[in-house]
Amino acid sequence: MSQSEWIWVAIRIFGIYLLVLAIISIPEAIGAVYAHLHLAEAASHTSDLASMSESLRKAAVTKGVTAFFQLLLFSIASYYFIAHGKLIHKLASRTNV
């Protein structure tokens, strides 16, 4: 294999790695939504633990937003690296003489 082909292989492998990271973030996003819904319900029913459940709800929202943006970013980047990647290939193939 030539150097150009090895660069394409490396770009595709990195795209697959990003796809795996995107897939891993899916359960985190779903779990954060689930936690937010149940903690919001718990905060509305109990007055004794309202401040604690409200803090946990805010933490679940933060975790959910983070997981969602990870999913979005990793999905877009993996699509680019797997399906396209021409700019990265051109930059990696450039030799400094």
N, C-alpha and C. Protein backbone atom coordinates (compact mmCIF):
# COMPACT_ATOMS: atom_id res chain seq x y z
N MET A 1 0.85 -1.18 0.00
CA MET A 1 0.00 0.00 0.00
C MET A 1 0.89 1.24 0.00
N SER A 2 0.39 2.24 -0.68
CA SER A 2 1.13 3.49 -0.75
C SER A 2 0.84 4.34 0.49
N GLN A 3 1.62 5.40 0.63
CA GLN A 3 1.43 6.29 1.77
C GLN A 3 0.05 6.93 1.74
N SER A 4 -0.44 7.28 0.56
CA SER A 4 -1.76 7.90 0.42
C SER A 4 -2.86 6.95 0.89
N GLU A 5 -2.73 5.69 0.56
CA GLU A 5 -3.73 4.71 0.99
C GLU A 5 -3.69 4.50 2.50
N TRP A 6 -2.50 4.50 3.08
CA TRP A 6 -2.39 4.37 4.54
C TRP A 6 -3.03 5.57 5.25
N ILE A 7 -2.88 6.74 4.66
CA ILE A 7 -3.50 7.94 5.26
C ILE A 7 -5.02 7.79 5.22
N TRP A 8 -5.58 7.28 4.10
CA TRP A 8 -7.02 7.06 4.03
C TRP A 8 -7.48 6.05 5.08
N VAL A 9 -6.69 4.99 5.27
CA VAL A 9 -7.04 3.99 6.27
C VAL A 9 -7.06 4.62 7.66
N ALA A 10 -6.06 5.44 7.97
CA ALA A 10 -6.01 6.10 9.28
C ALA A 10 -7.19 7.05 9.47
N ILE A 11 -7.56 7.77 8.43
CA ILE A 11 -8.70 8.69 8.52
C ILE A 11 -9.99 7.91 8.77
N ARG A 12 -10.18 6.81 8.08
CA ARG A 12 -11.39 5.99 8.27
C ARG A 12 -11.42 5.35 9.66
N ILE A 13 -10.28 4.89 10.15
CA ILE A 13 -10.23 4.29 11.49
C ILE A 13 -10.58 5.34 12.54
N PHE A 14 -10.08 6.57 12.38
CA PHE A 14 -10.44 7.63 13.32
C PHE A 14 -11.93 7.94 13.24
N GLY A 15 -12.51 7.89 12.06
CA GLY A 15 -13.95 8.09 11.90
C GLY A 15 -14.74 7.00 12.61
N ILE A 16 -14.28 5.76 12.53
CA ILE A 16 -14.95 4.66 13.23
C ILE A 16 -14.84 4.84 14.73
N TYR A 17 -13.69 5.30 15.20
CA TYR A 17 -13.50 5.58 16.63
C TYR A 17 -14.50 6.65 17.10
N LEU A 18 -14.67 7.70 16.33
CA LEU A 18 -15.62 8.75 16.69
C LEU A 18 -17.06 8.22 16.66
N LEU A 19 -17.35 7.32 15.74
CA LEU A 19 -18.68 6.70 15.69
C LEU A 19 -18.94 5.89 16.96
N VAL A 20 -17.94 5.16 17.42
CA VAL A 20 -18.09 4.39 18.66
C VAL A 20 -18.34 5.34 19.84
N LEU A 21 -17.62 6.45 19.89
CA LEU A 21 -17.86 7.43 20.96
C LEU A 21 -19.28 8.00 20.89
N ALA A 22 -19.78 8.23 19.68
CA ALA A 22 -21.16 8.73 19.53
C ALA A 22 -22.16 7.69 20.01
N ILE A 23 -21.93 6.44 19.69
CA ILE A 23 -22.84 5.38 20.13
C ILE A 23 -22.82 5.23 21.65
N ILE A 24 -21.65 5.39 22.24
CA ILE A 24 -21.54 5.30 23.70
C ILE A 24 -22.30 6.43 24.39
N SER A 25 -22.38 7.60 23.77
CA SER A 25 -23.04 8.73 24.40
C SER A 25 -24.57 8.65 24.32
N ILE A 26 -25.11 7.76 23.50
CA ILE A 26 -26.57 7.62 23.39
C ILE A 26 -27.21 7.19 24.71
N PRO A 27 -26.74 6.12 25.38
CA PRO A 27 -27.36 5.75 26.65
C PRO A 27 -27.21 6.82 27.74
N GLU A 28 -26.10 7.55 27.70
CA GLU A 28 -25.93 8.64 28.67
C GLU A 28 -26.99 9.71 28.48
N ALA A 29 -27.27 10.07 27.24
CA ALA A 29 -28.29 11.08 26.96
C ALA A 29 -29.67 10.59 27.36
N ILE A 30 -29.98 9.35 27.04
CA ILE A 30 -31.29 8.79 27.40
C ILE A 30 -31.43 8.69 28.92
N GLY A 31 -30.39 8.25 29.59
CA GLY A 31 -30.42 8.15 31.05
C GLY A 31 -30.58 9.49 31.72
N ALA A 32 -29.96 10.53 31.17
CA ALA A 32 -30.10 11.86 31.75
C ALA A 32 -31.52 12.39 31.60
N VAL A 33 -32.15 12.12 30.47
CA VAL A 33 -33.55 12.54 30.27
C VAL A 33 -34.45 11.80 31.26
N TYR A 34 -34.23 10.50 31.39
CA TYR A 34 -35.01 9.69 32.32
C TYR A 34 -34.83 10.19 33.76
N ALA A 35 -33.58 10.48 34.15
CA ALA A 35 -33.31 10.99 35.50
C ALA A 35 -33.97 12.34 35.71
N HIS A 36 -33.92 13.20 34.71
CA HIS A 36 -34.54 14.52 34.82
C HIS A 36 -36.04 14.41 35.04
N LEU A 37 -36.69 13.54 34.31
CA LEU A 37 -38.14 13.39 34.44
C LEU A 37 -38.53 12.88 35.83
N HIS A 38 -37.82 11.90 36.33
CA HIS A 38 -38.16 11.34 37.64
C HIS A 38 -37.76 12.26 38.79
N LEU A 39 -36.67 12.98 38.64
CA LEU A 39 -36.27 13.91 39.69
C LEU A 39 -37.18 15.14 39.71
N ALA A 40 -37.67 15.57 38.57
CA ALA A 40 -38.61 16.69 38.54
C ALA A 40 -39.91 16.29 39.23
N GLU A 41 -40.33 15.06 39.02
CA GLU A 41 -41.53 14.57 39.69
C GLU A 41 -41.30 14.46 41.20
N ALA A 42 -40.14 13.98 41.61
CA ALA A 42 -39.83 13.86 43.04
C ALA A 42 -39.74 15.22 43.70
N ALA A 43 -39.22 16.21 43.01
CA ALA A 43 -39.10 17.55 43.57
C ALA A 43 -40.46 18.18 43.78
N SER A 44 -41.41 17.86 42.93
CA SER A 44 -42.72 18.47 43.06
C SER A 44 -43.57 17.81 44.16
N HIS A 45 -43.29 16.55 44.52
CA HIS A 45 -44.11 15.84 45.49
C HIS A 45 -43.61 15.96 46.93
N THR A 46 -42.35 16.06 47.14
CA THR A 46 -41.83 16.09 48.50
C THR A 46 -41.27 17.47 48.82
N SER A 47 -41.68 17.99 49.93
CA SER A 47 -41.17 19.30 50.33
C SER A 47 -39.90 19.17 51.17
N ASP A 48 -39.70 18.03 51.82
CA ASP A 48 -38.52 17.84 52.67
C ASP A 48 -37.24 17.74 51.85
N LEU A 49 -37.31 17.03 50.78
CA LEU A 49 -36.11 16.81 49.97
C LEU A 49 -36.12 17.61 48.67
N ALA A 50 -36.88 18.67 48.66
CA ALA A 50 -37.05 19.44 47.42
C ALA A 50 -35.73 20.06 46.96
N SER A 51 -34.94 20.61 47.87
CA SER A 51 -33.70 21.25 47.45
C SER A 51 -32.69 20.22 46.94
N MET A 52 -32.64 19.05 47.59
CA MET A 52 -31.71 18.03 47.14
C MET A 52 -32.14 17.47 45.77
N SER A 53 -33.41 17.20 45.60
CA SER A 53 -33.86 16.66 44.32
C SER A 53 -33.76 17.71 43.21
N GLU A 54 -33.92 18.98 43.57
CA GLU A 54 -33.74 20.04 42.57
C GLU A 54 -32.28 20.13 42.13
N SER A 55 -31.35 19.97 43.05
CA SER A 55 -29.93 19.96 42.70
C SER A 55 -29.60 18.76 41.82
N LEU A 56 -30.15 17.61 42.15
CA LEU A 56 -29.92 16.42 41.34
C LEU A 56 -30.54 16.57 39.95
N ARG A 57 -31.68 17.23 39.88
CA ARG A 57 -32.33 17.47 38.59
C ARG A 57 -31.46 18.37 37.71
N LYS A 58 -30.90 19.42 38.31
CA LYS A 58 -30.02 20.32 37.56
C LYS A 58 -28.77 19.58 37.07
N ALA A 59 -28.24 18.69 37.90
CA ALA A 59 -27.08 17.89 37.49
C ALA A 59 -27.45 16.96 36.34
N ALA A 60 -28.65 16.39 36.38
CA ALA A 60 -29.10 15.50 35.31
C ALA A 60 -29.28 16.28 34.00
N VAL A 61 -29.78 17.50 34.10
CA VAL A 61 -29.94 18.33 32.90
C VAL A 61 -28.57 18.66 32.30
N THR A 62 -27.63 19.02 33.16
CA THR A 62 -26.28 19.34 32.68
C THR A 62 -25.65 18.13 32.00
N LYS A 63 -25.78 16.96 32.63
CA LYS A 63 -25.23 15.73 32.05
C LYS A 63 -25.92 15.41 30.73
N GLY A 64 -27.22 15.62 30.65
CA GLY A 64 -27.95 15.36 29.42
C GLY A 64 -27.54 16.27 28.29
N VAL A 65 -27.37 17.55 28.58
CA VAL A 65 -26.94 18.50 27.55
C VAL A 65 -25.54 18.15 27.06
N THR A 66 -24.65 17.81 27.99
CA THR A 66 -23.30 17.42 27.61
C THR A 66 -23.31 16.17 26.74
N ALA A 67 -24.09 15.17 27.13
CA ALA A 67 -24.16 13.93 26.35
C ALA A 67 -24.77 14.18 24.97
N PHE A 68 -25.77 15.04 24.90
CA PHE A 68 -26.39 15.34 23.61
C PHE A 68 -25.40 16.03 22.68
N PHE A 69 -24.65 17.00 23.18
CA PHE A 69 -23.69 17.70 22.32
C PHE A 69 -22.53 16.79 21.94
N GLN A 70 -22.12 15.87 22.83
CA GLN A 70 -21.12 14.89 22.46
C GLN A 70 -21.64 14.02 21.32
N LEU A 71 -22.88 13.57 21.45
CA LEU A 71 -23.49 12.74 20.42
C LEU A 71 -23.51 13.48 19.09
N LEU A 72 -23.92 14.73 19.11
CA LEU A 72 -23.99 15.53 17.90
C LEU A 72 -22.61 15.76 17.29
N LEU A 73 -21.66 16.18 18.09
CA LEU A 73 -20.32 16.47 17.60
C LEU A 73 -19.63 15.21 17.07
N PHE A 74 -19.67 14.13 17.83
CA PHE A 74 -19.02 12.90 17.40
C PHE A 74 -19.69 12.33 16.15
N SER A 75 -21.01 12.45 16.04
CA SER A 75 -21.71 11.94 14.86
C SER A 75 -21.32 12.71 13.61
N ILE A 76 -21.30 14.01 13.70
CA ILE A 76 -20.94 14.83 12.55
C ILE A 76 -19.49 14.58 12.15
N ALA A 77 -18.60 14.55 13.13
CA ALA A 77 -17.18 14.32 12.82
C ALA A 77 -16.95 12.93 12.25
N SER A 78 -17.61 11.93 12.81
CA SER A 78 -17.41 10.57 12.29
C SER A 78 -17.95 10.45 10.88
N TYR A 79 -19.07 11.08 10.59
CA TYR A 79 -19.59 11.07 9.22
C TYR A 79 -18.58 11.68 8.26
N TYR A 80 -17.99 12.81 8.66
CA TYR A 80 -17.01 13.45 7.78
C TYR A 80 -15.80 12.55 7.56
N PHE A 81 -15.26 11.98 8.62
CA PHE A 81 -14.06 11.16 8.48
C PHE A 81 -14.33 9.86 7.74
N ILE A 82 -15.50 9.28 7.89
CA ILE A 82 -15.79 8.02 7.21
C ILE A 82 -16.21 8.26 5.76
N ALA A 83 -17.04 9.26 5.50
CA ALA A 83 -17.58 9.45 4.16
C ALA A 83 -16.75 10.39 3.28
N HIS A 84 -16.08 11.34 3.88
CA HIS A 84 -15.36 12.35 3.07
C HIS A 84 -13.89 12.38 3.47
N GLY A 85 -13.49 13.35 4.24
CA GLY A 85 -12.13 13.44 4.76
C GLY A 85 -11.09 13.92 3.77
N LYS A 86 -11.52 14.51 2.66
CA LYS A 86 -10.56 14.92 1.63
C LYS A 86 -9.62 16.02 2.12
N LEU A 87 -10.14 16.97 2.86
CA LEU A 87 -9.29 18.06 3.36
C LEU A 87 -8.23 17.52 4.32
N ILE A 88 -8.63 16.62 5.22
CA ILE A 88 -7.68 16.03 6.15
C ILE A 88 -6.64 15.21 5.38
N HIS A 89 -7.09 14.49 4.36
CA HIS A 89 -6.16 13.69 3.56
C HIS A 89 -5.15 14.58 2.85
N LYS A 90 -5.64 15.69 2.30
CA LYS A 90 -4.74 16.61 1.61
C LYS A 90 -3.73 17.21 2.58
N LEU A 91 -4.18 17.58 3.77
CA LEU A 91 -3.26 18.14 4.77
C LEU A 91 -2.24 17.11 5.25
N ALA A 92 -2.68 15.86 5.44
CA ALA A 92 -1.78 14.81 5.89
C ALA A 92 -0.81 14.37 4.80
N SER A 93 -1.21 14.49 3.55
CA SER A 93 -0.36 14.08 2.44
C SER A 93 0.67 15.12 2.06
N ARG A 94 0.48 16.33 2.48
CA ARG A 94 1.37 17.41 2.13
C ARG A 94 2.76 17.15 2.73
N THR A 95 3.77 17.31 1.92
CA THR A 95 5.13 17.14 2.41
C THR A 95 5.81 18.50 2.45
N ASN A 96 6.54 18.74 3.50
CA ASN A 96 7.28 19.99 3.65
C ASN A 96 8.69 19.80 3.12
N VAL A 97 8.95 20.46 2.03
CA VAL A 97 10.27 20.31 1.39
C VAL A 97 11.07 21.55 1.60
